[in-house]
Amino acid sequence: MAGQNIGNSTVTKADIVEKVYETIGFSKKEASELVELVFNSLKKTLQSGEKVKISGFGNFIVRGKNERIGRNPQTGEQIKISARRVLTFRPSQVLKAMLNGEEYAHLIGKDEDDDE
């Protein structure tokens, strides 16, 4: 089914910190600082309007949406929807293949400048 959530749980930042702690052997404080540093770096880059490309994972892109007229679904009344910036994510071919249980070894390291 489209939009169906396959997994039963959600991975949190604390879960990521725990995984870094277990895998790399940093202290929990160091693992937490590292994860926080990565996320802050991503947020600042996106806030400045730059694209974030993580090879083998995907692209995060900030796009502008123009002001437009919409409708209140309950009343049918027209309302003005203000201009805003939205974040989009485009998964890499490697991630798509992994999610679908397909072979992906031939895709690793391939430059993935898909159409934007």
PDB file of N, CA and C in Angstrom:
ATOM      1  N   MET A   1       0.831  -1.189   0.000  1.00  0.00           N
ATOM      2  CA  MET A   1       0.000   0.000   0.000  1.00  0.00           C
ATOM      3  C   MET A   1       0.866   1.239   0.000  1.00  0.00           C
ATOM      4  N   ALA A   2       0.450   2.252  -0.738  1.00  0.00           N
ATOM      5  CA  ALA A   2       1.210   3.499  -0.793  1.00  0.00           C
ATOM      6  C   ALA A   2       1.185   4.179   0.569  1.00  0.00           C
ATOM      7  N   GLY A   3       2.318   4.682   1.001  1.00  0.00           N
ATOM      8  CA  GLY A   3       2.409   5.398   2.257  1.00  0.00           C
ATOM      9  C   GLY A   3       2.357   4.514   3.494  1.00  0.00           C
ATOM     10  N   GLN A   4       2.411   3.229   3.337  1.00  0.00           N
ATOM     11  CA  GLN A   4       2.331   2.306   4.472  1.00  0.00           C
ATOM     12  C   GLN A   4       3.658   2.293   5.223  1.00  0.00           C
ATOM     13  N   ASN A   5       3.592   2.421   6.530  1.00  0.00           N
ATOM     14  CA  ASN A   5       4.788   2.377   7.370  1.00  0.00           C
ATOM     15  C   ASN A   5       5.106   0.921   7.670  1.00  0.00           C
ATOM     16  N   ILE A   6       6.201   0.434   7.103  1.00  0.00           N
ATOM     17  CA  ILE A   6       6.570  -0.972   7.238  1.00  0.00           C
ATOM     18  C   ILE A   6       7.094  -1.264   8.651  1.00  0.00           C
ATOM     19  N   GLY A   7       7.948  -0.400   9.180  1.00  0.00           N
ATOM     20  CA  GLY A   7       8.546  -0.627  10.489  1.00  0.00           C
ATOM     21  C   GLY A   7       7.566  -0.339  11.608  1.00  0.00           C
ATOM     22  N   ASN A   8       7.844  -0.896  12.767  1.00  0.00           N
ATOM     23  CA  ASN A   8       6.958  -0.703  13.909  1.00  0.00           C
ATOM     24  C   ASN A   8       7.459   0.354  14.870  1.00  0.00           C
ATOM     25  N   SER A   9       8.688   0.819  14.696  1.00  0.00           N
ATOM     26  CA  SER A   9       9.243   1.769  15.646  1.00  0.00           C
ATOM     27  C   SER A   9       9.915   2.928  14.929  1.00  0.00           C
ATOM     28  N   THR A  10      10.292   3.908  15.706  1.00  0.00           N
ATOM     29  CA  THR A  10      10.966   5.093  15.194  1.00  0.00           C
ATOM     30  C   THR A  10      12.360   5.167  15.810  1.00  0.00           C
ATOM     31  N   VAL A  11      13.355   5.467  14.996  1.00  0.00           N
ATOM     32  CA  VAL A  11      14.715   5.645  15.498  1.00  0.00           C
ATOM     33  C   VAL A  11      14.866   7.102  15.917  1.00  0.00           C
ATOM     34  N   THR A  12      15.303   7.320  17.133  1.00  0.00           N
ATOM     35  CA  THR A  12      15.481   8.671  17.659  1.00  0.00           C
ATOM     36  C   THR A  12      16.962   9.059  17.653  1.00  0.00           C
ATOM     37  N   LYS A  13      17.208  10.309  17.938  1.00  0.00           N
ATOM     38  CA  LYS A  13      18.595  10.770  18.033  1.00  0.00           C
ATOM     39  C   LYS A  13      19.329  10.015  19.134  1.00  0.00           C
ATOM     40  N   ALA A  14      18.636   9.721  20.227  1.00  0.00           N
ATOM     41  CA  ALA A  14      19.244   8.952  21.324  1.00  0.00           C
ATOM     42  C   ALA A  14      19.647   7.556  20.850  1.00  0.00           C
ATOM     43  N   ASP A  15      18.842   6.961  19.972  1.00  0.00           N
ATOM     44  CA  ASP A  15      19.180   5.646  19.421  1.00  0.00           C
ATOM     45  C   ASP A  15      20.442   5.731  18.568  1.00  0.00           C
ATOM     46  N   ILE A  16      20.569   6.805  17.813  1.00  0.00           N
ATOM     47  CA  ILE A  16      21.753   6.998  16.965  1.00  0.00           C
ATOM     48  C   ILE A  16      22.985   7.189  17.843  1.00  0.00           C
ATOM     49  N   VAL A  17      22.847   7.994  18.899  1.00  0.00           N
ATOM     50  CA  VAL A  17      23.956   8.198  19.846  1.00  0.00           C
ATOM     51  C   VAL A  17      24.375   6.857  20.446  1.00  0.00           C
ATOM     52  N   GLU A  18      23.411   6.039  20.841  1.00  0.00           N
ATOM     53  CA  GLU A  18      23.696   4.729  21.431  1.00  0.00           C
ATOM     54  C   GLU A  18      24.452   3.844  20.440  1.00  0.00           C
ATOM     55  N   LYS A  19      24.030   3.861  19.172  1.00  0.00           N
ATOM     56  CA  LYS A  19      24.677   3.044  18.140  1.00  0.00           C
ATOM     57  C   LYS A  19      26.128   3.502  17.924  1.00  0.00           C
ATOM     58  N   VAL A  20      26.358   4.823  17.899  1.00  0.00           N
ATOM     59  CA  VAL A  20      27.716   5.362  17.751  1.00  0.00           C
ATOM     60  C   VAL A  20      28.558   4.943  18.956  1.00  0.00           C
ATOM     61  N   TYR A  21      27.980   5.045  20.134  1.00  0.00           N
ATOM     62  CA  TYR A  21      28.665   4.650  21.367  1.00  0.00           C
ATOM     63  C   TYR A  21      29.086   3.177  21.316  1.00  0.00           C
ATOM     64  N   GLU A  22      28.172   2.309  20.887  1.00  0.00           N
ATOM     65  CA  GLU A  22      28.457   0.868  20.847  1.00  0.00           C
ATOM     66  C   GLU A  22      29.445   0.510  19.733  1.00  0.00           C
ATOM     67  N   THR A  23      29.315   1.153  18.586  1.00  0.00           N
ATOM     68  CA  THR A  23      30.108   0.781  17.414  1.00  0.00           C
ATOM     69  C   THR A  23      31.533   1.325  17.463  1.00  0.00           C
ATOM     70  N   ILE A  24      31.668   2.593  17.818  1.00  0.00           N
ATOM     71  CA  ILE A  24      32.980   3.243  17.742  1.00  0.00           C
ATOM     72  C   ILE A  24      33.727   3.175  19.067  1.00  0.00           C
ATOM     73  N   GLY A  25      32.993   3.107  20.159  1.00  0.00           N
ATOM     74  CA  GLY A  25      33.655   3.009  21.452  1.00  0.00           C
ATOM     75  C   GLY A  25      33.932   4.348  22.108  1.00  0.00           C
ATOM     76  N   PHE A  26      33.366   5.422  21.559  1.00  0.00           N
ATOM     77  CA  PHE A  26      33.467   6.718  22.225  1.00  0.00           C
ATOM     78  C   PHE A  26      32.668   6.641  23.523  1.00  0.00           C
ATOM     79  N   SER A  27      32.945   7.586  24.424  1.00  0.00           N
ATOM     80  CA  SER A  27      32.089   7.683  25.608  1.00  0.00           C
ATOM     81  C   SER A  27      30.716   8.160  25.132  1.00  0.00           C
ATOM     82  N   LYS A  28      29.721   7.984  25.988  1.00  0.00           N
ATOM     83  CA  LYS A  28      28.365   8.424  25.592  1.00  0.00           C
ATOM     84  C   LYS A  28      28.346   9.932  25.347  1.00  0.00           C
ATOM     85  N   LYS A  29      29.096  10.674  26.144  1.00  0.00           N
ATOM     86  CA  LYS A  29      29.139  12.124  25.977  1.00  0.00           C
ATOM     87  C   LYS A  29      29.770  12.478  24.628  1.00  0.00           C
ATOM     88  N   GLU A  30      30.874  11.825  24.286  1.00  0.00           N
ATOM     89  CA  GLU A  30      31.538  12.082  23.005  1.00  0.00           C
ATOM     90  C   GLU A  30      30.639  11.679  21.835  1.00  0.00           C
ATOM     91  N   ALA A  31      29.963  10.542  21.959  1.00  0.00           N
ATOM     92  CA  ALA A  31      29.054  10.090  20.902  1.00  0.00           C
ATOM     93  C   ALA A  31      27.921  11.082  20.724  1.00  0.00           C
ATOM     94  N   SER A  32      27.380  11.575  21.829  1.00  0.00           N
ATOM     95  CA  SER A  32      26.301  12.560  21.786  1.00  0.00           C
ATOM     96  C   SER A  32      26.767  13.856  21.127  1.00  0.00           C
ATOM     97  N   GLU A  33      27.968  14.310  21.488  1.00  0.00           N
ATOM     98  CA  GLU A  33      28.513  15.541  20.903  1.00  0.00           C
ATOM     99  C   GLU A  33      28.752  15.378  19.406  1.00  0.00           C
ATOM    100  N   LEU A  34      29.236  14.209  18.997  1.00  0.00           N
ATOM    101  CA  LEU A  34      29.486  13.936  17.584  1.00  0.00           C
ATOM    102  C   LEU A  34      28.187  13.962  16.782  1.00  0.00           C
ATOM    103  N   VAL A  35      27.166  13.263  17.272  1.00  0.00           N
ATOM    104  CA  VAL A  35      25.875  13.231  16.580  1.00  0.00           C
ATOM    105  C   VAL A  35      25.279  14.634  16.522  1.00  0.00           C
ATOM    106  N   GLU A  36      25.352  15.360  17.614  1.00  0.00           N
ATOM    107  CA  GLU A  36      24.829  16.733  17.668  1.00  0.00           C
ATOM    108  C   GLU A  36      25.570  17.631  16.670  1.00  0.00           C
ATOM    109  N   LEU A  37      26.880  17.468  16.571  1.00  0.00           N
ATOM    110  CA  LEU A  37      27.693  18.239  15.631  1.00  0.00           C
ATOM    111  C   LEU A  37      27.278  17.969  14.183  1.00  0.00           C
ATOM    112  N   VAL A  38      27.059  16.703  13.862  1.00  0.00           N
ATOM    113  CA  VAL A  38      26.640  16.333  12.504  1.00  0.00           C
ATOM    114  C   VAL A  38      25.289  16.960  12.178  1.00  0.00           C
ATOM    115  N   PHE A  39      24.309  16.806  13.083  1.00  0.00           N
ATOM    116  CA  PHE A  39      22.979  17.353  12.821  1.00  0.00           C
ATOM    117  C   PHE A  39      23.000  18.876  12.745  1.00  0.00           C
ATOM    118  N   ASN A  40      23.765  19.528  13.614  1.00  0.00           N
ATOM    119  CA  ASN A  40      23.853  20.994  13.563  1.00  0.00           C
ATOM    120  C   ASN A  40      24.478  21.457  12.255  1.00  0.00           C
ATOM    121  N   SER A  41      25.486  20.741  11.790  1.00  0.00           N
ATOM    122  CA  SER A  41      26.125  21.071  10.519  1.00  0.00           C
ATOM    123  C   SER A  41      25.126  20.948   9.362  1.00  0.00           C
ATOM    124  N   LEU A  42      24.350  19.865   9.368  1.00  0.00           N
ATOM    125  CA  LEU A  42      23.329  19.669   8.335  1.00  0.00           C
ATOM    126  C   LEU A  42      22.295  20.795   8.382  1.00  0.00           C
ATOM    127  N   LYS A  43      21.821  21.125   9.579  1.00  0.00           N
ATOM    128  CA  LYS A  43      20.803  22.171   9.718  1.00  0.00           C
ATOM    129  C   LYS A  43      21.313  23.530   9.230  1.00  0.00           C
ATOM    130  N   LYS A  44      22.541  23.887   9.607  1.00  0.00           N
ATOM    131  CA  LYS A  44      23.097  25.180   9.180  1.00  0.00           C
ATOM    132  C   LYS A  44      23.264  25.242   7.670  1.00  0.00           C
ATOM    133  N   THR A  45      23.716  24.146   7.079  1.00  0.00           N
ATOM    134  CA  THR A  45      23.898  24.092   5.627  1.00  0.00           C
ATOM    135  C   THR A  45      22.559  24.259   4.923  1.00  0.00           C
ATOM    136  N   LEU A  46      21.542  23.545   5.386  1.00  0.00           N
ATOM    137  CA  LEU A  46      20.213  23.638   4.779  1.00  0.00           C
ATOM    138  C   LEU A  46      19.599  25.018   5.008  1.00  0.00           C
ATOM    139  N   GLN A  47      19.815  25.578   6.184  1.00  0.00           N
ATOM    140  CA  GLN A  47      19.280  26.905   6.488  1.00  0.00           C
ATOM    141  C   GLN A  47      19.836  27.956   5.534  1.00  0.00           C
ATOM    142  N   SER A  48      21.085  27.786   5.118  1.00  0.00           N
ATOM    143  CA  SER A  48      21.698  28.741   4.196  1.00  0.00           C
ATOM    144  C   SER A  48      21.240  28.512   2.752  1.00  0.00           C
ATOM    145  N   GLY A  49      20.435  27.474   2.536  1.00  0.00           N
ATOM    146  CA  GLY A  49      19.891  27.209   1.205  1.00  0.00           C
ATOM    147  C   GLY A  49      20.712  26.268   0.362  1.00  0.00           C
ATOM    148  N   GLU A  50      21.784  25.726   0.935  1.00  0.00           N
ATOM    149  CA  GLU A  50      22.632  24.792   0.191  1.00  0.00           C
ATOM    150  C   GLU A  50      22.037  23.393   0.213  1.00  0.00           C
ATOM    151  N   LYS A  51      22.373  22.617  -0.810  1.00  0.00           N
ATOM    152  CA  LYS A  51      21.943  21.230  -0.917  1.00  0.00           C
ATOM    153  C   LYS A  51      22.910  20.362  -0.106  1.00  0.00           C
ATOM    154  N   VAL A  52      22.381  19.339   0.564  1.00  0.00           N
ATOM    155  CA  VAL A  52      23.220  18.383   1.290  1.00  0.00           C
ATOM    156  C   VAL A  52      23.128  17.051   0.559  1.00  0.00           C
ATOM    157  N   LYS A  53      24.275  16.552   0.102  1.00  0.00           N
ATOM    158  CA  LYS A  53      24.331  15.282  -0.613  1.00  0.00           C
ATOM    159  C   LYS A  53      25.161  14.311   0.207  1.00  0.00           C
ATOM    160  N   ILE A  54      24.530  13.195   0.591  1.00  0.00           N
ATOM    161  CA  ILE A  54      25.215  12.158   1.345  1.00  0.00           C
ATOM    162  C   ILE A  54      25.274  10.939   0.431  1.00  0.00           C
ATOM    163  N   SER A  55      26.465  10.664  -0.062  1.00  0.00           N
ATOM    164  CA  SER A  55      26.656   9.575  -1.016  1.00  0.00           C
ATOM    165  C   SER A  55      26.136   8.261  -0.460  1.00  0.00           C
ATOM    166  N   GLY A  56      25.369   7.545  -1.252  1.00  0.00           N
ATOM    167  CA  GLY A  56      24.811   6.271  -0.843  1.00  0.00           C
ATOM    168  C   GLY A  56      23.572   6.399   0.009  1.00  0.00           C
ATOM    169  N   PHE A  57      23.166   7.640   0.313  1.00  0.00           N
ATOM    170  CA  PHE A  57      21.985   7.858   1.148  1.00  0.00           C
ATOM    171  C   PHE A  57      20.954   8.710   0.413  1.00  0.00           C
ATOM    172  N   GLY A  58      21.339   9.936   0.034  1.00  0.00           N
ATOM    173  CA  GLY A  58      20.405  10.777  -0.705  1.00  0.00           C
ATOM    174  C   GLY A  58      20.748  12.247  -0.618  1.00  0.00           C
ATOM    175  N   ASN A  59      19.840  13.065  -1.163  1.00  0.00           N
ATOM    176  CA  ASN A  59      20.019  14.514  -1.210  1.00  0.00           C
ATOM    177  C   ASN A  59      18.906  15.211  -0.432  1.00  0.00           C
ATOM    178  N   PHE A  60      19.296  16.187   0.371  1.00  0.00           N
ATOM    179  CA  PHE A  60      18.347  17.066   1.044  1.00  0.00           C
ATOM    180  C   PHE A  60      18.404  18.393   0.298  1.00  0.00           C
ATOM    181  N   ILE A  61      17.252  18.880  -0.137  1.00  0.00           N
ATOM    182  CA  ILE A  61      17.206  20.091  -0.949  1.00  0.00           C
ATOM    183  C   ILE A  61      16.159  21.041  -0.377  1.00  0.00           C
ATOM    184  N   VAL A  62      16.521  22.311  -0.220  1.00  0.00           N
ATOM    185  CA  VAL A  62      15.575  23.334   0.216  1.00  0.00           C
ATOM    186  C   VAL A  62      15.007  23.984  -1.035  1.00  0.00           C
ATOM    187  N   ARG A  63      13.683  23.999  -1.125  1.00  0.00           N
ATOM    188  CA  ARG A  63      13.010  24.598  -2.279  1.00  0.00           C
ATOM    189  C   ARG A  63      12.077  25.694  -1.795  1.00  0.00           C
ATOM    190  N   GLY A  64      11.904  26.697  -2.644  1.00  0.00           N
ATOM    191  CA  GLY A  64      10.985  27.784  -2.333  1.00  0.00           C
ATOM    192  C   GLY A  64       9.611  27.510  -2.923  1.00  0.00           C
ATOM    193  N   LYS A  65       8.581  27.805  -2.152  1.00  0.00           N
ATOM    194  CA  LYS A  65       7.207  27.705  -2.649  1.00  0.00           C
ATOM    195  C   LYS A  65       6.630  29.111  -2.678  1.00  0.00           C
ATOM    196  N   ASN A  66       5.987  29.451  -3.775  1.00  0.00           N
ATOM    197  CA  ASN A  66       5.397  30.776  -3.909  1.00  0.00           C
ATOM    198  C   ASN A  66       4.097  30.879  -3.112  1.00  0.00           C
ATOM    199  N   GLU A  67       3.703  32.117  -2.853  1.00  0.00           N
ATOM    200  CA  GLU A  67       2.413  32.374  -2.218  1.00  0.00           C
ATOM    201  C   GLU A  67       1.314  31.878  -3.153  1.00  0.00           C
ATOM    202  N   ARG A  68       0.236  31.337  -2.581  1.00  0.00           N
ATOM    203  CA  ARG A  68      -0.850  30.847  -3.422  1.00  0.00           C
ATOM    204  C   ARG A  68      -2.168  30.910  -2.662  1.00  0.00           C
ATOM    205  N   ILE A  69      -3.228  30.720  -3.402  1.00  0.00           N
ATOM    206  CA  ILE A  69      -4.559  30.699  -2.818  1.00  0.00           C
ATOM    207  C   ILE A  69      -4.962  29.246  -2.592  1.00  0.00           C
ATOM    208  N   GLY A  70      -5.448  28.954  -1.395  1.00  0.00           N
ATOM    209  CA  GLY A  70      -5.932  27.622  -1.064  1.00  0.00           C
ATOM    210  C   GLY A  70      -7.349  27.709  -0.546  1.00  0.00           C
ATOM    211  N   ARG A  71      -7.900  26.595  -0.148  1.00  0.00           N
ATOM    212  CA  ARG A  71      -9.268  26.558   0.383  1.00  0.00           C
ATOM    213  C   ARG A  71      -9.285  25.832   1.722  1.00  0.00           C
ATOM    214  N   ASN A  72     -10.090  26.370   2.634  1.00  0.00           N
ATOM    215  CA  ASN A  72     -10.342  25.682   3.889  1.00  0.00           C
ATOM    216  C   ASN A  72     -11.261  24.512   3.556  1.00  0.00           C
ATOM    217  N   PRO A  73     -10.839  23.266   3.795  1.00  0.00           N
ATOM    218  CA  PRO A  73     -11.643  22.120   3.381  1.00  0.00           C
ATOM    219  C   PRO A  73     -13.002  22.023   4.103  1.00  0.00           C
ATOM    220  N   GLN A  74     -13.112  22.596   5.298  1.00  0.00           N
ATOM    221  CA  GLN A  74     -14.372  22.517   6.040  1.00  0.00           C
ATOM    222  C   GLN A  74     -15.389  23.539   5.563  1.00  0.00           C
ATOM    223  N   THR A  75     -14.902  24.760   5.262  1.00  0.00           N
ATOM    224  CA  THR A  75     -15.837  25.831   4.898  1.00  0.00           C
ATOM    225  C   THR A  75     -15.826  26.149   3.416  1.00  0.00           C
ATOM    226  N   GLY A  76     -14.776  25.751   2.715  1.00  0.00           N
ATOM    227  CA  GLY A  76     -14.652  26.098   1.301  1.00  0.00           C
ATOM    228  C   GLY A  76     -14.146  27.520   1.094  1.00  0.00           C
ATOM    229  N   GLU A  77     -13.907  28.233   2.179  1.00  0.00           N
ATOM    230  CA  GLU A  77     -13.440  29.624   2.120  1.00  0.00           C
ATOM    231  C   GLU A  77     -12.022  29.689   1.552  1.00  0.00           C
ATOM    232  N   GLN A  78     -11.784  30.665   0.696  1.00  0.00           N
ATOM    233  CA  GLN A  78     -10.437  30.842   0.134  1.00  0.00           C
ATOM    234  C   GLN A  78      -9.534  31.492   1.173  1.00  0.00           C
ATOM    235  N   ILE A  79      -8.304  30.991   1.257  1.00  0.00           N
ATOM    236  CA  ILE A  79      -7.315  31.577   2.157  1.00  0.00           C
ATOM    237  C   ILE A  79      -5.995  31.733   1.415  1.00  0.00           C
ATOM    238  N   LYS A  80      -5.208  32.708   1.867  1.00  0.00           N
ATOM    239  CA  LYS A  80      -3.905  32.935   1.253  1.00  0.00           C
ATOM    240  C   LYS A  80      -2.871  32.106   1.999  1.00  0.00           C
ATOM    241  N   ILE A  81      -2.126  31.272   1.256  1.00  0.00           N
ATOM    242  CA  ILE A  81      -1.045  30.475   1.829  1.00  0.00           C
ATOM    243  C   ILE A  81       0.252  31.206   1.519  1.00  0.00           C
ATOM    244  N   SER A  82       0.968  31.594   2.560  1.00  0.00           N
ATOM    245  CA  SER A  82       2.164  32.420   2.385  1.00  0.00           C
ATOM    246  C   SER A  82       3.312  31.641   1.734  1.00  0.00           C
ATOM    247  N   ALA A  83       4.218  32.398   1.145  1.00  0.00           N
ATOM    248  CA  ALA A  83       5.419  31.812   0.544  1.00  0.00           C
ATOM    249  C   ALA A  83       6.259  31.209   1.667  1.00  0.00           C
ATOM    250  N   ARG A  84       6.944  30.113   1.355  1.00  0.00           N
ATOM    251  CA  ARG A  84       7.770  29.476   2.376  1.00  0.00           C
ATOM    252  C   ARG A  84       8.821  28.591   1.721  1.00  0.00           C
ATOM    253  N   ARG A  85       9.748  28.148   2.540  1.00  0.00           N
ATOM    254  CA  ARG A  85      10.775  27.208   2.082  1.00  0.00           C
ATOM    255  C   ARG A  85      10.427  25.840   2.628  1.00  0.00           C
ATOM    256  N   VAL A  86      10.600  24.816   1.808  1.00  0.00           N
ATOM    257  CA  VAL A  86      10.315  23.450   2.236  1.00  0.00           C
ATOM    258  C   VAL A  86      11.548  22.584   1.994  1.00  0.00           C
ATOM    259  N   LEU A  87      11.684  21.558   2.804  1.00  0.00           N
ATOM    260  CA  LEU A  87      12.799  20.627   2.681  1.00  0.00           C
ATOM    261  C   LEU A  87      12.304  19.371   1.987  1.00  0.00           C
ATOM    262  N   THR A  88      13.028  18.958   0.962  1.00  0.00           N
ATOM    263  CA  THR A  88      12.688  17.720   0.276  1.00  0.00           C
ATOM    264  C   THR A  88      13.876  16.763   0.388  1.00  0.00           C
ATOM    265  N   PHE A  89      13.570  15.479   0.323  1.00  0.00           N
ATOM    266  CA  PHE A  89      14.606  14.452   0.373  1.00  0.00           C
ATOM    267  C   PHE A  89      14.427  13.545  -0.825  1.00  0.00           C
ATOM    268  N   ARG A  90      15.519  13.311  -1.537  1.00  0.00           N
ATOM    269  CA  ARG A  90      15.514  12.375  -2.664  1.00  0.00           C
ATOM    270  C   ARG A  90      16.494  11.264  -2.335  1.00  0.00           C
ATOM    271  N   PRO A  91      15.998  10.054  -2.097  1.00  0.00           N
ATOM    272  CA  PRO A  91      16.898   8.955  -1.766  1.00  0.00           C
ATOM    273  C   PRO A  91      17.797   8.592  -2.939  1.00  0.00           C
ATOM    274  N   SER A  92      18.991   8.110  -2.631  1.00  0.00           N
ATOM    275  CA  SER A  92      19.926   7.683  -3.669  1.00  0.00           C
ATOM    276  C   SER A  92      19.450   6.368  -4.275  1.00  0.00           C
ATOM    277  N   GLN A  93      20.013   6.022  -5.406  1.00  0.00           N
ATOM    278  CA  GLN A  93      19.699   4.746  -6.044  1.00  0.00           C
ATOM    279  C   GLN A  93      20.097   3.581  -5.139  1.00  0.00           C
ATOM    280  N   VAL A  94      21.204   3.744  -4.410  1.00  0.00           N
ATOM    281  CA  VAL A  94      21.670   2.699  -3.494  1.00  0.00           C
ATOM    282  C   VAL A  94      20.630   2.472  -2.398  1.00  0.00           C
ATOM    283  N   LEU A  95      20.144   3.553  -1.780  1.00  0.00           N
ATOM    284  CA  LEU A  95      19.161   3.423  -0.713  1.00  0.00           C
ATOM    285  C   LEU A  95      17.860   2.821  -1.243  1.00  0.00           C
ATOM    286  N   LYS A  96      17.420   3.276  -2.404  1.00  0.00           N
ATOM    287  CA  LYS A  96      16.200   2.717  -3.004  1.00  0.00           C
ATOM    288  C   LYS A  96      16.347   1.213  -3.219  1.00  0.00           C
ATOM    289  N   ALA A  97      17.495   0.792  -3.751  1.00  0.00           N
ATOM    290  CA  ALA A  97      17.735  -0.632  -4.004  1.00  0.00           C
ATOM    291  C   ALA A  97      17.757  -1.416  -2.695  1.00  0.00           C
ATOM    292  N   MET A  98      18.413  -0.881  -1.680  1.00  0.00           N
ATOM    293  CA  MET A  98      18.473  -1.551  -0.381  1.00  0.00           C
ATOM    294  C   MET A  98      17.073  -1.736   0.198  1.00  0.00           C
ATOM    295  N   LEU A  99      16.248  -0.700   0.128  1.00  0.00           N
ATOM    296  CA  LEU A  99      14.895  -0.757   0.672  1.00  0.00           C
ATOM    297  C   LEU A  99      14.044  -1.803  -0.028  1.00  0.00           C
ATOM    298  N   ASN A 100      14.334  -2.050  -1.295  1.00  0.00           N
ATOM    299  CA  ASN A 100      13.543  -2.986  -2.080  1.00  0.00           C
ATOM    300  C   ASN A 100      14.188  -4.364  -2.189  1.00  0.00           C
ATOM    301  N   GLY A 101      15.256  -4.593  -1.413  1.00  0.00           N
ATOM    302  CA  GLY A 101      15.902  -5.893  -1.401  1.00  0.00           C
ATOM    303  C   GLY A 101      16.589  -6.236  -2.709  1.00  0.00           C
ATOM    304  N   GLU A 102      16.990  -5.223  -3.456  1.00  0.00           N
ATOM    305  CA  GLU A 102      17.648  -5.443  -4.748  1.00  0.00           C
ATOM    306  C   GLU A 102      19.164  -5.382  -4.579  1.00  0.00           C
ATOM    307  N   GLU A 103      19.879  -5.862  -5.576  1.00  0.00           N
ATOM    308  CA  GLU A 103      21.343  -5.802  -5.590  1.00  0.00           C
ATOM    309  C   GLU A 103      21.754  -4.343  -5.779  1.00  0.00           C
ATOM    310  N   TYR A 104      22.703  -3.873  -4.970  1.00  0.00           N
ATOM    311  CA  TYR A 104      23.110  -2.475  -5.053  1.00  0.00           C
ATOM    312  C   TYR A 104      24.620  -2.278  -5.097  1.00  0.00           C
ATOM    313  N   ALA A 105      25.402  -3.337  -5.027  1.00  0.00           N
ATOM    314  CA  ALA A 105      26.863  -3.219  -4.993  1.00  0.00           C
ATOM    315  C   ALA A 105      27.390  -2.455  -6.200  1.00  0.00           C
ATOM    316  N   HIS A 106      26.787  -2.648  -7.363  1.00  0.00           N
ATOM    317  CA  HIS A 106      27.241  -1.965  -8.582  1.00  0.00           C
ATOM    318  C   HIS A 106      26.937  -0.468  -8.553  1.00  0.00           C
ATOM    319  N   LEU A 107      26.092  -0.015  -7.621  1.00  0.00           N
ATOM    320  CA  LEU A 107      25.723   1.400  -7.531  1.00  0.00           C
ATOM    321  C   LEU A 107      26.618   2.180  -6.576  1.00  0.00           C
ATOM    322  N   ILE A 108      27.292   1.482  -5.683  1.00  0.00           N
ATOM    323  CA  ILE A 108      28.115   2.165  -4.666  1.00  0.00           C
ATOM    324  C   ILE A 108      29.272   2.878  -5.334  1.00  0.00           C
ATOM    325  N   GLY A 109      29.438   4.153  -4.950  1.00  0.00           N
ATOM    326  CA  GLY A 109      30.512   4.971  -5.491  1.00  0.00           C
ATOM    327  C   GLY A 109      30.172   5.651  -6.804  1.00  0.00           C
ATOM    328  N   LYS A 110      29.035   5.286  -7.381  1.00  0.00           N
ATOM    329  CA  LYS A 110      28.604   5.926  -8.627  1.00  0.00           C
ATOM    330  C   LYS A 110      28.132   7.337  -8.313  1.00  0.00           C
ATOM    331  N   ASP A 111      28.540   8.300  -9.112  1.00  0.00           N
ATOM    332  CA  ASP A 111      28.096   9.673  -8.904  1.00  0.00           C
ATOM    333  C   ASP A 111      26.617   9.761  -9.179  1.00  0.00           C
ATOM    334  N   GLU A 112      25.881  10.277  -8.198  1.00  0.00           N
ATOM    335  CA  GLU A 112      24.428  10.261  -8.288  1.00  0.00           C
ATOM    336  C   GLU A 112      23.839  11.661  -8.443  1.00  0.00           C
ATOM    337  N   ASP A 113      24.215  12.356  -9.480  1.00  0.00           N
ATOM    338  CA  ASP A 113      23.631  13.672  -9.739  1.00  0.00           C
ATOM    339  C   ASP A 113      22.366  13.498 -10.553  1.00  0.00           C
ATOM    340  N   ASP A 114      21.337  12.906  -9.891  1.00  0.00           N
ATOM    341  CA  ASP A 114      20.038  12.742 -10.541  1.00  0.00           C
ATOM    342  C   ASP A 114      19.446  14.111 -10.832  1.00  0.00           C
ATOM    343  N   ASP A 115      18.453  14.158 -11.681  1.00  0.00           N
ATOM    344  CA  ASP A 115      17.831  15.455 -11.968  1.00  0.00           C
ATOM    345  C   ASP A 115      17.254  16.018 -10.702  1.00  0.00           C
ATOM    346  N   GLU A 116      17.388  17.313 -10.578  1.00  0.00           N
ATOM    347  CA  GLU A 116      16.977  17.979  -9.345  1.00  0.00           C
ATOM    348  C   GLU A 116      15.645  18.533  -9.518  1.00  0.00           C
TER     349      GLU A 116
END
